[in-house]
Amino acid sequence: RDDAGNAVYLQMNSLKPEDTAVYYCAARDNILGTI
């Protein structure tokens, strides 16, 4: 994430065919429990 917290990145290496998908970004206010 960037310092301001308003951007998130996903570096994906060694990609496999099974990684094929639509990738979604999401945000949640509750940071407790499992994310």
PDB file of all heavy atoms in Angstrom:
ATOM      1  N   ARG A   1       0.849  -1.197   0.000  1.00  0.00           N
ATOM      2  CA  ARG A   1       0.000   0.000   0.000  1.00  0.00           C
ATOM      3  C   ARG A   1       0.880   1.241   0.000  1.00  0.00           C
ATOM      4  O   ARG A   1       2.004   1.214   0.489  1.00  0.00           O
ATOM      5  CB  ARG A   1      -0.918  -0.004   1.223  1.00  0.00           C
ATOM      6  CG  ARG A   1      -1.888  -1.163   1.203  1.00  0.00           C
ATOM      7  CD  ARG A   1      -2.783  -1.201   2.409  1.00  0.00           C
ATOM      8  NE  ARG A   1      -3.647  -0.019   2.520  1.00  0.00           N
ATOM      9  CZ  ARG A   1      -4.662   0.044   3.355  1.00  0.00           C
ATOM     10  NH1 ARG A   1      -4.952  -0.995   4.132  1.00  0.00           N
ATOM     11  NH2 ARG A   1      -5.394   1.147   3.418  1.00  0.00           N
ATOM     12  N   ASP A   2       0.361   2.308  -0.533  1.00  0.00           N
ATOM     13  CA  ASP A   2       1.135   3.541  -0.535  1.00  0.00           C
ATOM     14  C   ASP A   2       1.035   4.190   0.843  1.00  0.00           C
ATOM     15  O   ASP A   2       0.231   3.794   1.684  1.00  0.00           O
ATOM     16  CB  ASP A   2       0.645   4.487  -1.629  1.00  0.00           C
ATOM     17  CG  ASP A   2      -0.721   5.085  -1.321  1.00  0.00           C
ATOM     18  OD1 ASP A   2      -1.508   4.441  -0.592  1.00  0.00           O
ATOM     19  OD2 ASP A   2      -1.006   6.188  -1.812  1.00  0.00           O
ATOM     20  N   ASP A   3       1.899   5.174   1.100  1.00  0.00           N
ATOM     21  CA  ASP A   3       1.963   5.780   2.419  1.00  0.00           C
ATOM     22  C   ASP A   3       0.638   6.420   2.825  1.00  0.00           C
ATOM     23  O   ASP A   3       0.262   6.406   4.000  1.00  0.00           O
ATOM     24  CB  ASP A   3       3.071   6.839   2.456  1.00  0.00           C
ATOM     25  CG  ASP A   3       4.451   6.211   2.505  1.00  0.00           C
ATOM     26  OD1 ASP A   3       4.533   4.990   2.749  1.00  0.00           O
ATOM     27  OD2 ASP A   3       5.438   6.943   2.283  1.00  0.00           O
ATOM     28  N   ALA A   4      -0.058   6.991   1.885  1.00  0.00           N
ATOM     29  CA  ALA A   4      -1.327   7.642   2.197  1.00  0.00           C
ATOM     30  C   ALA A   4      -2.441   6.639   2.462  1.00  0.00           C
ATOM     31  O   ALA A   4      -3.480   6.995   3.018  1.00  0.00           O
ATOM     32  CB  ALA A   4      -1.729   8.572   1.056  1.00  0.00           C
ATOM     33  N   GLY A   5      -2.198   5.396   2.038  1.00  0.00           N
ATOM     34  CA  GLY A   5      -3.184   4.355   2.296  1.00  0.00           C
ATOM     35  C   GLY A   5      -4.314   4.310   1.312  1.00  0.00           C
ATOM     36  O   GLY A   5      -5.231   3.507   1.451  1.00  0.00           O
ATOM     37  N   ASN A   6      -4.264   5.151   0.277  1.00  0.00           N
ATOM     38  CA  ASN A   6      -5.361   5.198  -0.672  1.00  0.00           C
ATOM     39  C   ASN A   6      -5.082   4.449  -1.963  1.00  0.00           C
ATOM     40  O   ASN A   6      -5.827   4.596  -2.942  1.00  0.00           O
ATOM     41  CB  ASN A   6      -5.722   6.653  -0.987  1.00  0.00           C
ATOM     42  CG  ASN A   6      -6.626   7.224   0.073  1.00  0.00           C
ATOM     43  OD1 ASN A   6      -6.805   6.642   1.134  1.00  0.00           O
ATOM     44  ND2 ASN A   6      -7.193   8.380  -0.206  1.00  0.00           N
ATOM     45  N   ALA A   7      -4.008   3.672  -1.972  1.00  0.00           N
ATOM     46  CA  ALA A   7      -3.733   2.818  -3.118  1.00  0.00           C
ATOM     47  C   ALA A   7      -3.217   1.490  -2.596  1.00  0.00           C
ATOM     48  O   ALA A   7      -2.524   1.426  -1.579  1.00  0.00           O
ATOM     49  CB  ALA A   7      -2.712   3.454  -4.061  1.00  0.00           C
ATOM     50  N   VAL A   8      -3.562   0.444  -3.292  1.00  0.00           N
ATOM     51  CA  VAL A   8      -3.077  -0.890  -2.939  1.00  0.00           C
ATOM     52  C   VAL A   8      -2.620  -1.563  -4.216  1.00  0.00           C
ATOM     53  O   VAL A   8      -3.199  -1.355  -5.288  1.00  0.00           O
ATOM     54  CB  VAL A   8      -4.170  -1.710  -2.209  1.00  0.00           C
ATOM     55  CG1 VAL A   8      -5.394  -1.927  -3.069  1.00  0.00           C
ATOM     56  CG2 VAL A   8      -3.609  -3.034  -1.709  1.00  0.00           C
ATOM     57  N   TYR A   9      -1.559  -2.323  -4.086  1.00  0.00           N
ATOM     58  CA  TYR A   9      -0.939  -2.958  -5.237  1.00  0.00           C
ATOM     59  C   TYR A   9      -0.840  -4.466  -5.006  1.00  0.00           C
ATOM     60  O   TYR A   9      -0.785  -4.928  -3.862  1.00  0.00           O
ATOM     61  CB  TYR A   9       0.449  -2.377  -5.480  1.00  0.00           C
ATOM     62  CG  TYR A   9       0.467  -0.870  -5.541  1.00  0.00           C
ATOM     63  CD1 TYR A   9       0.794  -0.120  -4.414  1.00  0.00           C
ATOM     64  CD2 TYR A   9       0.131  -0.191  -6.708  1.00  0.00           C
ATOM     65  CE1 TYR A   9       0.790   1.264  -4.454  1.00  0.00           C
ATOM     66  CE2 TYR A   9       0.130   1.189  -6.758  1.00  0.00           C
ATOM     67  CZ  TYR A   9       0.455   1.909  -5.626  1.00  0.00           C
ATOM     68  OH  TYR A   9       0.445   3.280  -5.675  1.00  0.00           O
ATOM     69  N   LEU A  10      -0.786  -5.182  -6.098  1.00  0.00           N
ATOM     70  CA  LEU A  10      -0.567  -6.618  -6.021  1.00  0.00           C
ATOM     71  C   LEU A  10       0.474  -6.982  -7.058  1.00  0.00           C
ATOM     72  O   LEU A  10       0.199  -6.949  -8.268  1.00  0.00           O
ATOM     73  CB  LEU A  10      -1.862  -7.391  -6.265  1.00  0.00           C
ATOM     74  CG  LEU A  10      -1.772  -8.897  -6.037  1.00  0.00           C
ATOM     75  CD1 LEU A  10      -1.547  -9.197  -4.548  1.00  0.00           C
ATOM     76  CD2 LEU A  10      -3.018  -9.610  -6.527  1.00  0.00           C
ATOM     77  N   GLN A  11       1.669  -7.282  -6.592  1.00  0.00           N
ATOM     78  CA  GLN A  11       2.732  -7.757  -7.479  1.00  0.00           C
ATOM     79  C   GLN A  11       2.586  -9.260  -7.615  1.00  0.00           C
ATOM     80  O   GLN A  11       2.653  -9.983  -6.613  1.00  0.00           O
ATOM     81  CB  GLN A  11       4.100  -7.401  -6.907  1.00  0.00           C
ATOM     82  CG  GLN A  11       5.261  -7.906  -7.742  1.00  0.00           C
ATOM     83  CD  GLN A  11       5.348  -7.229  -9.100  1.00  0.00           C
ATOM     84  OE1 GLN A  11       5.178  -6.024  -9.206  1.00  0.00           O
ATOM     85  NE2 GLN A  11       5.604  -8.015 -10.139  1.00  0.00           N
ATOM     86  N   MET A  12       2.399  -9.702  -8.830  1.00  0.00           N
ATOM     87  CA  MET A  12       2.168 -11.126  -9.081  1.00  0.00           C
ATOM     88  C   MET A  12       3.318 -11.679  -9.911  1.00  0.00           C
ATOM     89  O   MET A  12       3.512 -11.249 -11.055  1.00  0.00           O
ATOM     90  CB  MET A  12       0.835 -11.321  -9.810  1.00  0.00           C
ATOM     91  CG  MET A  12      -0.356 -10.694  -9.086  1.00  0.00           C
ATOM     92  SD  MET A  12      -1.935 -11.076  -9.854  1.00  0.00           S
ATOM     93  CE  MET A  12      -1.755 -10.257 -11.435  1.00  0.00           C
ATOM     94  N   ASN A  13       4.064 -12.594  -9.337  1.00  0.00           N
ATOM     95  CA  ASN A  13       5.188 -13.226 -10.014  1.00  0.00           C
ATOM     96  C   ASN A  13       4.914 -14.706 -10.206  1.00  0.00           C
ATOM     97  O   ASN A  13       4.044 -15.282  -9.557  1.00  0.00           O
ATOM     98  CB  ASN A  13       6.469 -13.030  -9.205  1.00  0.00           C
ATOM     99  CG  ASN A  13       6.842 -11.577  -9.031  1.00  0.00           C
ATOM    100  OD1 ASN A  13       6.571 -10.746  -9.897  1.00  0.00           O
ATOM    101  ND2 ASN A  13       7.462 -11.260  -7.910  1.00  0.00           N
ATOM    102  N   SER A  14       5.686 -15.311 -11.080  1.00  0.00           N
ATOM    103  CA  SER A  14       5.557 -16.759 -11.339  1.00  0.00           C
ATOM    104  C   SER A  14       4.108 -17.140 -11.585  1.00  0.00           C
ATOM    105  O   SER A  14       3.588 -18.097 -11.006  1.00  0.00           O
ATOM    106  CB  SER A  14       6.125 -17.550 -10.150  1.00  0.00           C
ATOM    107  OG  SER A  14       7.471 -17.221  -9.918  1.00  0.00           O
ATOM    108  N   LEU A  15       3.470 -16.401 -12.453  1.00  0.00           N
ATOM    109  CA  LEU A  15       2.051 -16.617 -12.700  1.00  0.00           C
ATOM    110  C   LEU A  15       1.796 -17.974 -13.340  1.00  0.00           C
ATOM    111  O   LEU A  15       2.608 -18.475 -14.131  1.00  0.00           O
ATOM    112  CB  LEU A  15       1.500 -15.499 -13.577  1.00  0.00           C
ATOM    113  CG  LEU A  15       1.221 -14.189 -12.818  1.00  0.00           C
ATOM    114  CD1 LEU A  15       1.127 -13.018 -13.773  1.00  0.00           C
ATOM    115  CD2 LEU A  15      -0.038 -14.314 -11.990  1.00  0.00           C
ATOM    116  N   LYS A  16       0.661 -18.550 -12.981  1.00  0.00           N
ATOM    117  CA  LYS A  16       0.248 -19.848 -13.477  1.00  0.00           C
ATOM    118  C   LYS A  16      -1.088 -19.707 -14.207  1.00  0.00           C
ATOM    119  O   LYS A  16      -1.858 -18.790 -13.908  1.00  0.00           O
ATOM    120  CB  LYS A  16       0.087 -20.820 -12.313  1.00  0.00           C
ATOM    121  CG  LYS A  16       1.310 -20.967 -11.430  1.00  0.00           C
ATOM    122  CD  LYS A  16       1.003 -21.851 -10.244  1.00  0.00           C
ATOM    123  CE  LYS A  16       2.207 -21.996  -9.324  1.00  0.00           C
ATOM    124  NZ  LYS A  16       1.908 -22.861  -8.156  1.00  0.00           N
ATOM    125  N   PRO A  17      -1.395 -20.622 -15.110  1.00  0.00           N
ATOM    126  CA  PRO A  17      -2.706 -20.549 -15.784  1.00  0.00           C
ATOM    127  C   PRO A  17      -3.869 -20.520 -14.806  1.00  0.00           C
ATOM    128  O   PRO A  17      -4.897 -19.873 -15.079  1.00  0.00           O
ATOM    129  CB  PRO A  17      -2.706 -21.803 -16.656  1.00  0.00           C
ATOM    130  CG  PRO A  17      -1.263 -22.046 -16.949  1.00  0.00           C
ATOM    131  CD  PRO A  17      -0.537 -21.663 -15.694  1.00  0.00           C
ATOM    132  N   GLU A  18      -3.723 -21.177 -13.677  1.00  0.00           N
ATOM    133  CA  GLU A  18      -4.814 -21.197 -12.694  1.00  0.00           C
ATOM    134  C   GLU A  18      -4.994 -19.863 -11.969  1.00  0.00           C
ATOM    135  O   GLU A  18      -5.946 -19.706 -11.202  1.00  0.00           O
ATOM    136  CB  GLU A  18      -4.621 -22.324 -11.681  1.00  0.00           C
ATOM    137  CG  GLU A  18      -3.264 -22.371 -11.029  1.00  0.00           C
ATOM    138  CD  GLU A  18      -2.330 -23.363 -11.719  1.00  0.00           C
ATOM    139  OE1 GLU A  18      -2.288 -23.395 -12.981  1.00  0.00           O
ATOM    140  OE2 GLU A  18      -1.607 -24.089 -10.984  1.00  0.00           O
ATOM    141  N   ASP A  19      -4.111 -18.927 -12.210  1.00  0.00           N
ATOM    142  CA  ASP A  19      -4.296 -17.576 -11.672  1.00  0.00           C
ATOM    143  C   ASP A  19      -5.225 -16.742 -12.557  1.00  0.00           C
ATOM    144  O   ASP A  19      -5.569 -15.614 -12.193  1.00  0.00           O
ATOM    145  CB  ASP A  19      -2.950 -16.860 -11.557  1.00  0.00           C
ATOM    146  CG  ASP A  19      -2.023 -17.503 -10.533  1.00  0.00           C
ATOM    147  OD1 ASP A  19      -2.512 -17.879  -9.449  1.00  0.00           O
ATOM    148  OD2 ASP A  19      -0.817 -17.608 -10.829  1.00  0.00           O
ATOM    149  N   THR A  20      -5.607 -17.283 -13.699  1.00  0.00           N
ATOM    150  CA  THR A  20      -6.502 -16.561 -14.595  1.00  0.00           C
ATOM    151  C   THR A  20      -7.838 -16.289 -13.909  1.00  0.00           C
ATOM    152  O   THR A  20      -8.487 -17.207 -13.410  1.00  0.00           O
ATOM    153  CB  THR A  20      -6.733 -17.366 -15.884  1.00  0.00           C
ATOM    154  OG1 THR A  20      -5.495 -17.460 -16.595  1.00  0.00           O
ATOM    155  CG2 THR A  20      -7.781 -16.702 -16.766  1.00  0.00           C
ATOM    156  N   ALA A  21      -8.222 -15.024 -13.879  1.00  0.00           N
ATOM    157  CA  ALA A  21      -9.462 -14.617 -13.201  1.00  0.00           C
ATOM    158  C   ALA A  21      -9.651 -13.121 -13.371  1.00  0.00           C
ATOM    159  O   ALA A  21      -8.745 -12.417 -13.834  1.00  0.00           O
ATOM    160  CB  ALA A  21      -9.398 -14.964 -11.714  1.00  0.00           C
ATOM    161  N   VAL A  22     -10.802 -12.664 -12.966  1.00  0.00           N
ATOM    162  CA  VAL A  22     -11.018 -11.231 -12.775  1.00  0.00           C
ATOM    163  C   VAL A  22     -10.602 -10.912 -11.347  1.00  0.00           C
ATOM    164  O   VAL A  22     -11.053 -11.562 -10.407  1.00  0.00           O
ATOM    165  CB  VAL A  22     -12.479 -10.829 -13.019  1.00  0.00           C
ATOM    166  CG1 VAL A  22     -12.670  -9.342 -12.744  1.00  0.00           C
ATOM    167  CG2 VAL A  22     -12.893 -11.164 -14.451  1.00  0.00           C
ATOM    168  N   TYR A  23      -9.735  -9.926 -11.207  1.00  0.00           N
ATOM    169  CA  TYR A  23      -9.217  -9.545  -9.893  1.00  0.00           C
ATOM    170  C   TYR A  23      -9.915  -8.275  -9.426  1.00  0.00           C
ATOM    171  O   TYR A  23      -9.996  -7.278 -10.168  1.00  0.00           O
ATOM    172  CB  TYR A  23      -7.703  -9.335  -9.974  1.00  0.00           C
ATOM    173  CG  TYR A  23      -6.946 -10.629 -10.012  1.00  0.00           C
ATOM    174  CD1 TYR A  23      -6.984 -11.453 -11.136  1.00  0.00           C
ATOM    175  CD2 TYR A  23      -6.194 -11.054  -8.914  1.00  0.00           C
ATOM    176  CE1 TYR A  23      -6.309 -12.657 -11.163  1.00  0.00           C
ATOM    177  CE2 TYR A  23      -5.506 -12.255  -8.935  1.00  0.00           C
ATOM    178  CZ  TYR A  23      -5.568 -13.054 -10.059  1.00  0.00           C
ATOM    179  OH  TYR A  23      -4.887 -14.247 -10.084  1.00  0.00           O
ATOM    180  N   TYR A  24     -10.401  -8.322  -8.183  1.00  0.00           N
ATOM    181  CA  TYR A  24     -11.136  -7.217  -7.603  1.00  0.00           C
ATOM    182  C   TYR A  24     -10.394  -6.654  -6.400  1.00  0.00           C
ATOM    183  O   TYR A  24      -9.869  -7.397  -5.570  1.00  0.00           O
ATOM    184  CB  TYR A  24     -12.516  -7.680  -7.130  1.00  0.00           C
ATOM    185  CG  TYR A  24     -13.410  -8.191  -8.229  1.00  0.00           C
ATOM    186  CD1 TYR A  24     -13.414  -9.537  -8.571  1.00  0.00           C
ATOM    187  CD2 TYR A  24     -14.266  -7.324  -8.903  1.00  0.00           C
ATOM    188  CE1 TYR A  24     -14.239 -10.015  -9.574  1.00  0.00           C
ATOM    189  CE2 TYR A  24     -15.103  -7.793  -9.906  1.00  0.00           C
ATOM    190  CZ  TYR A  24     -15.080  -9.137 -10.237  1.00  0.00           C
ATOM    191  OH  TYR A  24     -15.903  -9.594 -11.239  1.00  0.00           O
ATOM    192  N   CYS A  25     -10.423  -5.359  -6.299  1.00  0.00           N
ATOM    193  CA  CYS A  25      -9.920  -4.650  -5.134  1.00  0.00           C
ATOM    194  C   CYS A  25     -11.093  -4.377  -4.209  1.00  0.00           C
ATOM    195  O   CYS A  25     -12.211  -4.110  -4.680  1.00  0.00           O
ATOM    196  CB  CYS A  25      -9.269  -3.349  -5.611  1.00  0.00           C
ATOM    197  SG  CYS A  25      -8.829  -2.179  -4.337  1.00  0.00           S
ATOM    198  N   ALA A  26     -10.847  -4.436  -2.896  1.00  0.00           N
ATOM    199  CA  ALA A  26     -11.923  -4.186  -1.941  1.00  0.00           C
ATOM    200  C   ALA A  26     -11.364  -3.505  -0.700  1.00  0.00           C
ATOM    201  O   ALA A  26     -10.175  -3.631  -0.394  1.00  0.00           O
ATOM    202  CB  ALA A  26     -12.614  -5.494  -1.566  1.00  0.00           C
ATOM    203  N   ALA A  27     -12.248  -2.813   0.011  1.00  0.00           N
ATOM    204  CA  ALA A  27     -11.845  -2.113   1.235  1.00  0.00           C
ATOM    205  C   ALA A  27     -12.906  -2.317   2.306  1.00  0.00           C
ATOM    206  O   ALA A  27     -14.102  -2.362   2.004  1.00  0.00           O
ATOM    207  CB  ALA A  27     -11.671  -0.619   0.951  1.00  0.00           C
ATOM    208  N   ARG A  28     -12.463  -2.457   3.553  1.00  0.00           N
ATOM    209  CA  ARG A  28     -13.398  -2.590   4.655  1.00  0.00           C
ATOM    210  C   ARG A  28     -12.962  -1.769   5.849  1.00  0.00           C
ATOM    211  O   ARG A  28     -11.763  -1.699   6.150  1.00  0.00           O
ATOM    212  CB  ARG A  28     -13.611  -4.054   5.021  1.00  0.00           C
ATOM    213  CG  ARG A  28     -12.487  -4.735   5.715  1.00  0.00           C
ATOM    214  CD  ARG A  28     -12.821  -6.196   6.035  1.00  0.00           C
ATOM    215  NE  ARG A  28     -12.827  -6.468   7.454  1.00  0.00           N
ATOM    216  CZ  ARG A  28     -13.095  -7.647   7.983  1.00  0.00           C
ATOM    217  NH1 ARG A  28     -13.415  -8.663   7.211  1.00  0.00           N
ATOM    218  NH2 ARG A  28     -13.077  -7.815   9.293  1.00  0.00           N
ATOM    219  N   ASP A  29     -13.944  -1.200   6.513  1.00  0.00           N
ATOM    220  CA  ASP A  29     -13.707  -0.325   7.651  1.00  0.00           C
ATOM    221  C   ASP A  29     -13.279  -1.127   8.884  1.00  0.00           C
ATOM    222  O   ASP A  29     -12.413  -0.704   9.648  1.00  0.00           O
ATOM    223  CB  ASP A  29     -14.992   0.452   7.943  1.00  0.00           C
ATOM    224  CG  ASP A  29     -14.797   1.479   9.032  1.00  0.00           C
ATOM    225  OD1 ASP A  29     -13.654   1.881   9.299  1.00  0.00           O
ATOM    226  OD2 ASP A  29     -15.808   1.907   9.623  1.00  0.00           O
ATOM    227  N   ASN A  30     -13.870  -2.308   9.066  1.00  0.00           N
ATOM    228  CA  ASN A  30     -13.567  -3.128  10.232  1.00  0.00           C
ATOM    229  C   ASN A  30     -12.271  -3.891   9.998  1.00  0.00           C
ATOM    230  O   ASN A  30     -12.195  -4.788   9.162  1.00  0.00           O
ATOM    231  CB  ASN A  30     -14.719  -4.102  10.480  1.00  0.00           C
ATOM    232  CG  ASN A  30     -14.450  -5.010  11.677  1.00  0.00           C
ATOM    233  OD1 ASN A  30     -13.535  -4.770  12.458  1.00  0.00           O
ATOM    234  ND2 ASN A  30     -15.247  -6.059  11.811  1.00  0.00           N
ATOM    235  N   ILE A  31     -11.226  -3.527  10.746  1.00  0.00           N
ATOM    236  CA  ILE A  31      -9.935  -4.191  10.534  1.00  0.00           C
ATOM    237  C   ILE A  31      -9.697  -5.317  11.525  1.00  0.00           C
ATOM    238  O   ILE A  31      -8.643  -5.954  11.497  1.00  0.00           O
ATOM    239  CB  ILE A  31      -8.774  -3.184  10.615  1.00  0.00           C
ATOM    240  CG1 ILE A  31      -8.665  -2.588  12.029  1.00  0.00           C
ATOM    241  CG2 ILE A  31      -8.942  -2.087   9.582  1.00  0.00           C
ATOM    242  CD1 ILE A  31      -7.411  -1.779  12.240  1.00  0.00           C
ATOM    243  N   LEU A  32     -10.691  -5.576  12.370  1.00  0.00           N
ATOM    244  CA  LEU A  32     -10.547  -6.645  13.346  1.00  0.00           C
ATOM    245  C   LEU A  32     -11.014  -7.967  12.760  1.00  0.00           C
ATOM    246  O   LEU A  32     -11.783  -7.997  11.798  1.00  0.00           O
ATOM    247  CB  LEU A  32     -11.356  -6.306  14.607  1.00  0.00           C
ATOM    248  CG  LEU A  32     -10.977  -5.006  15.313  1.00  0.00           C
ATOM    249  CD1 LEU A  32     -11.878  -4.781  16.509  1.00  0.00           C
ATOM    250  CD2 LEU A  32      -9.517  -5.018  15.723  1.00  0.00           C
ATOM    251  N   GLY A  33     -10.555  -9.047  13.354  1.00  0.00           N
ATOM    252  CA  GLY A  33     -10.967 -10.356  12.881  1.00  0.00           C
ATOM    253  C   GLY A  33     -10.292 -10.723  11.575  1.00  0.00           C
ATOM    254  O   GLY A  33      -9.344 -10.077  11.136  1.00  0.00           O
ATOM    255  N   THR A  34     -10.790 -11.761  10.962  1.00  0.00           N
ATOM    256  CA  THR A  34     -10.175 -12.195   9.720  1.00  0.00           C
ATOM    257  C   THR A  34     -10.515 -11.250   8.573  1.00  0.00           C
ATOM    258  O   THR A  34     -11.663 -10.859   8.413  1.00  0.00           O
ATOM    259  CB  THR A  34     -10.597 -13.624   9.349  1.00  0.00           C
ATOM    260  OG1 THR A  34      -9.992 -13.975   8.105  1.00  0.00           O
ATOM    261  CG2 THR A  34     -12.115 -13.735   9.212  1.00  0.00           C
ATOM    262  N   ILE A  35      -9.531 -10.880   7.811  1.00  0.00           N
ATOM    263  CA  ILE A  35      -9.760 -10.044   6.630  1.00  0.00           C
ATOM    264  C   ILE A  35      -9.622 -10.877   5.361  1.00  0.00           C
ATOM    265  O   ILE A  35      -9.658 -10.357   4.258  1.00  0.00           O
ATOM    266  CB  ILE A  35      -8.804  -8.837   6.575  1.00  0.00           C
ATOM    267  CG1 ILE A  35      -7.341  -9.279   6.627  1.00  0.00           C
ATOM    268  CG2 ILE A  35      -9.108  -7.871   7.720  1.00  0.00           C
ATOM    269  CD1 ILE A  35      -6.341  -8.137   6.449  1.00  0.00           C
TER     270      ILE A  35
END
